[in-house]
Amino acid sequence: LIIEDEANICSFIQTLLETNGYQALVAQTCMMGMTMFISYNPDLVILDLGLPDRDGLDAIRSIRQKYLTPIIVLSARTTERDKIEALDLGANDYITKPFGTGELLARAALRVNRYGGGSLPGGVFSAQGLTINYERRKVFVDGQEVRLTQTEYNIMAFLSVHAGKVLTYAAIIRAVWGYSDYGSVKKLQVNMKNIRKKMGVTPGEKRYIINELGVGYRMLAEDEA
């Protein structure tokens, strides 16, 4: 789904994607984009921020209330503050205009189908006192809410969808941040340290999430001892 109000850029991106095997949907306003998002549940959103009816940041907020669909921001806003705000709200990537076609295609390819259509399963994940409510995007330990950042929640949600399986550092990084950068393992580890601290897990304690050293992380499944 391309949400972009500049006709020339929109047509160019649509043609670029379709000639590379994608099916592209187009919306010129934020409201139209959100309507099409709900109707079609796309695998990827390419989003401009300077839309005529609402700021594109509103679209990120709305999508992140329930979905982990990858979002690439494609904007003329170039300040660090703009990039940080979009990424903090849950965007997976930020590309400034003008952009290279190869770069856009490469980044898009990394994100498509990470969540099998973008939405998390409905209902609740529960294991050993840990509860994740996907619809409310909230995490609880023994009934008490654990207040996580958007990024921390996305890590937890991704691990829980694949509970019982070891997920490599690279797979988690691609799913949460949308790119493959082995230098970002440290960023993942810092977030995981914060998650464990907020959940009351002491260093070295094997509860909820196991660190498979040198490989990745595994969330304990409901039936594990």
Protein backbone atom coordinates (compact mmCIF):
# COMPACT_ATOMS: atom_id res chain seq x y z
CA LEU A 1 0.00 0.00 0.00
CA ILE A 2 1.46 3.34 -1.12
CA ILE A 3 0.14 6.38 0.78
CA GLU A 4 1.49 9.37 -1.13
CA ASP A 5 -0.21 12.56 -2.38
CA GLU A 6 2.33 13.60 -5.04
CA ALA A 7 0.97 12.06 -8.25
CA ASN A 8 4.30 11.75 -10.06
CA ILE A 9 6.08 10.08 -7.15
CA CYS A 10 3.10 7.84 -6.47
CA SER A 11 2.90 6.69 -10.09
CA PHE A 12 6.65 6.11 -10.21
CA ILE A 13 6.67 3.94 -7.05
CA GLN A 14 3.63 1.99 -8.22
CA THR A 15 5.23 1.23 -11.59
CA LEU A 16 8.54 0.34 -9.92
CA LEU A 17 6.90 -2.14 -7.57
CA GLU A 18 4.59 -3.69 -10.15
CA THR A 19 7.41 -4.29 -12.62
CA ASN A 20 9.24 -6.12 -9.82
CA GLY A 21 6.41 -8.51 -9.03
CA TYR A 22 4.44 -6.64 -6.37
CA GLN A 23 0.77 -5.78 -6.41
CA ALA A 24 0.53 -2.09 -5.50
CA LEU A 25 -2.41 -0.21 -4.01
CA VAL A 26 -2.46 3.59 -3.99
CA ALA A 27 -4.01 6.19 -1.68
CA GLN A 28 -3.55 9.97 -1.89
CA THR A 29 -4.72 10.86 1.63
CA CYS A 30 -4.21 9.52 5.13
CA MET A 31 -7.90 8.67 5.58
CA MET A 32 -8.07 6.89 2.23
CA GLY A 33 -4.90 5.02 3.11
CA MET A 34 -6.28 3.81 6.44
CA THR A 35 -9.52 2.70 4.79
CA MET A 36 -7.58 0.70 2.21
CA PHE A 37 -5.29 -0.70 4.89
CA ILE A 38 -8.25 -2.14 6.82
CA SER A 39 -9.86 -3.45 3.63
CA TYR A 40 -6.80 -5.13 2.09
CA ASN A 41 -4.43 -5.83 5.02
CA PRO A 42 -1.29 -5.26 2.89
CA ASP A 43 2.10 -6.85 3.49
CA LEU A 44 3.89 -3.49 3.42
CA VAL A 45 3.06 0.21 3.71
CA ILE A 46 5.12 2.91 1.99
CA LEU A 47 4.10 6.12 3.68
CA ASP A 48 4.63 9.82 3.03
CA LEU A 49 4.35 12.08 6.09
CA GLY A 50 3.23 15.30 4.39
CA LEU A 51 -0.29 14.26 3.46
CA PRO A 52 -3.05 16.81 2.68
CA ASP A 53 -5.59 15.77 5.30
CA ARG A 54 -3.54 14.44 8.24
CA ASP A 55 0.08 13.95 9.17
CA GLY A 56 1.40 10.56 8.14
CA LEU A 57 2.51 10.00 11.74
CA ASP A 58 -1.19 9.54 12.56
CA ALA A 59 -1.26 6.57 10.19
CA ILE A 60 1.67 4.97 12.01
CA ARG A 61 -0.08 5.43 15.36
CA SER A 62 -3.30 3.94 14.03
CA ILE A 63 -1.64 0.92 12.40
CA ARG A 64 0.49 0.16 15.45
CA GLN A 65 -2.57 -0.09 17.69
CA LYS A 66 -3.10 -3.60 16.35
CA TYR A 67 -0.75 -4.47 13.50
CA LEU A 68 2.96 -5.13 13.04
CA THR A 69 2.75 -4.58 9.29
CA PRO A 70 6.11 -3.22 8.08
CA ILE A 71 6.04 0.54 7.42
CA ILE A 72 8.62 2.36 5.31
CA VAL A 73 8.43 6.13 5.66
CA LEU A 74 9.33 7.93 2.43
CA SER A 75 9.51 11.63 3.24
CA ALA A 76 11.08 14.95 2.32
CA ARG A 77 11.54 15.64 6.04
CA THR A 78 15.24 15.17 6.69
CA THR A 79 15.86 16.25 10.28
CA GLU A 80 16.98 13.73 12.87
CA ARG A 81 14.01 14.69 15.05
CA ASP A 82 11.53 13.74 12.29
CA LYS A 83 13.23 10.38 11.77
CA ILE A 84 13.36 9.58 15.48
CA GLU A 85 9.70 10.47 15.97
CA ALA A 86 8.57 8.22 13.11
CA LEU A 87 10.75 5.31 14.24
CA ASP A 88 9.69 5.70 17.89
CA LEU A 89 6.04 5.50 16.83
CA GLY A 90 6.76 2.16 15.15
CA ALA A 91 7.95 2.79 11.59
CA ASN A 92 10.43 0.13 10.48
CA ASP A 93 12.48 2.29 8.15
CA TYR A 94 12.89 5.89 7.00
CA ILE A 95 14.03 6.91 3.51
CA THR A 96 14.42 10.55 2.55
CA LYS A 97 13.48 12.02 -0.81
CA PRO A 98 14.98 11.95 -3.36
CA PHE A 99 15.57 8.22 -3.14
CA GLY A 100 17.26 5.51 -5.19
CA THR A 101 15.09 2.84 -6.81
CA GLY A 102 17.51 0.08 -5.84
CA GLU A 103 17.48 1.19 -2.22
CA LEU A 104 13.69 1.27 -2.04
CA LEU A 105 13.33 -2.18 -3.62
CA ALA A 106 16.00 -3.68 -1.38
CA ARG A 107 14.43 -2.34 1.77
CA ALA A 108 10.94 -3.36 0.67
CA ALA A 109 12.10 -6.92 -0.02
CA LEU A 110 13.40 -7.26 3.55
CA ARG A 111 10.00 -6.46 5.03
CA VAL A 112 7.36 -8.22 2.98
CA ASN A 113 5.63 -11.19 4.62
CA ARG A 114 7.50 -10.99 7.94
CA TYR A 115 4.21 -11.56 9.76
CA GLY A 116 2.26 -13.50 7.17
CA GLY A 117 0.15 -10.52 6.20
CA GLY A 118 1.08 -8.20 9.01
CA SER A 119 -1.44 -8.87 11.74
CA LEU A 120 -0.82 -10.69 14.95
CA PRO A 121 -3.16 -13.50 15.98
CA GLY A 122 -6.19 -12.39 17.92
CA GLY A 123 -6.63 -13.17 21.59
CA VAL A 124 -3.99 -13.76 24.21
CA PHE A 125 -0.68 -15.57 24.61
CA SER A 126 -0.13 -17.03 28.07
CA ALA A 127 2.74 -19.02 29.57
CA GLN A 128 4.05 -19.32 33.14
CA GLY A 129 2.47 -16.13 34.45
CA LEU A 130 3.30 -14.12 31.31
CA THR A 131 0.32 -12.82 29.35
CA ILE A 132 0.39 -10.88 26.08
CA ASN A 133 -2.88 -9.33 24.93
CA TYR A 134 -2.40 -8.76 21.20
CA GLU A 135 -5.51 -6.65 20.66
CA ARG A 136 -4.64 -4.27 23.50
CA ARG A 137 -0.86 -4.48 22.83
CA LYS A 138 -0.24 -5.00 26.54
CA VAL A 139 2.01 -7.37 28.49
CA PHE A 140 1.31 -8.68 32.00
CA VAL A 141 3.34 -10.71 34.49
CA ASP A 142 1.31 -12.38 37.22
CA GLY A 143 -1.56 -10.01 36.47
CA GLN A 144 0.51 -6.83 36.71
CA GLU A 145 0.99 -4.75 33.57
CA VAL A 146 4.57 -4.41 32.33
CA ARG A 147 4.91 -1.02 30.64
CA LEU A 148 6.99 -1.55 27.51
CA THR A 149 8.00 0.77 24.71
CA GLN A 150 6.66 0.10 21.20
CA THR A 151 9.93 -1.58 20.22
CA GLU A 152 10.04 -3.70 23.36
CA TYR A 153 6.46 -4.82 22.80
CA ASN A 154 7.17 -5.70 19.16
CA ILE A 155 10.08 -7.90 20.27
CA MET A 156 7.89 -9.69 22.80
CA ALA A 157 5.05 -10.15 20.32
CA PHE A 158 7.33 -11.57 17.63
CA LEU A 159 8.94 -14.02 20.05
CA SER A 160 5.54 -15.13 21.38
CA VAL A 161 4.15 -15.81 17.90
CA HIS A 162 7.01 -18.32 17.53
CA ALA A 163 7.09 -19.52 21.16
CA GLY A 164 9.23 -22.59 21.71
CA LYS A 165 11.40 -21.89 18.65
CA VAL A 166 14.86 -20.32 18.66
CA LEU A 167 14.81 -17.11 16.62
CA THR A 168 18.16 -15.82 15.44
CA TYR A 169 19.31 -12.31 16.25
CA ALA A 170 19.11 -11.43 12.55
CA ALA A 171 15.52 -12.70 12.21
CA ILE A 172 14.36 -10.65 15.21
CA ILE A 173 16.17 -7.54 13.97
CA ARG A 174 14.60 -7.84 10.51
CA ALA A 175 11.12 -8.34 11.96
CA VAL A 176 11.29 -5.49 14.49
CA TRP A 177 13.50 -2.90 12.78
CA GLY A 178 13.08 -4.03 9.20
CA TYR A 179 16.68 -4.43 8.12
CA SER A 180 19.48 -6.96 8.37
CA ASP A 181 22.39 -5.38 10.22
CA TYR A 182 24.51 -7.61 12.40
CA GLY A 183 25.87 -4.52 14.11
CA SER A 184 22.39 -4.05 15.54
CA VAL A 185 22.64 -7.12 17.76
CA LYS A 186 23.82 -4.79 20.53
CA LYS A 187 20.66 -2.71 20.11
CA LEU A 188 18.55 -5.88 20.41
CA GLN A 189 20.46 -6.98 23.51
CA VAL A 190 19.95 -3.60 25.18
CA ASN A 191 16.21 -3.78 24.52
CA MET A 192 16.09 -7.33 25.85
CA LYS A 193 17.93 -6.28 29.00
CA ASN A 194 15.34 -3.55 29.55
CA ILE A 195 12.48 -5.99 28.93
CA ARG A 196 13.83 -8.47 31.48
CA LYS A 197 14.37 -5.76 34.07
CA LYS A 198 10.81 -4.50 33.66
CA MET A 199 9.52 -8.09 33.96
CA GLY A 200 11.43 -8.62 37.20
CA VAL A 201 13.84 -11.20 35.76
CA THR A 202 17.29 -11.16 37.34
CA PRO A 203 20.47 -11.53 35.23
CA GLY A 204 21.07 -15.18 34.38
CA GLU A 205 17.57 -16.26 35.40
CA LYS A 206 15.87 -18.45 32.79
CA ARG A 207 12.30 -17.21 32.82
CA TYR A 208 9.98 -16.35 29.92
CA ILE A 209 12.76 -15.73 27.37
CA ILE A 210 15.90 -17.84 27.01
CA ASN A 211 19.07 -16.44 25.46
CA GLU A 212 20.59 -19.09 23.22
CA LEU A 213 24.12 -17.68 23.36
CA GLY A 214 25.57 -16.74 20.00
CA VAL A 215 22.34 -17.66 18.20
CA GLY A 216 19.29 -15.73 19.36
CA TYR A 217 16.33 -15.87 21.75
CA ARG A 218 13.55 -18.33 22.49
CA MET A 219 10.33 -17.60 24.34
CA LEU A 220 9.19 -20.46 26.54
CA ALA A 221 6.06 -22.17 25.26
CA GLU A 222 2.98 -22.78 27.37
CA ASP A 223 3.75 -26.48 27.88
CA GLU A 224 7.44 -26.11 28.86
CA ALA A 225 8.57 -26.85 32.39
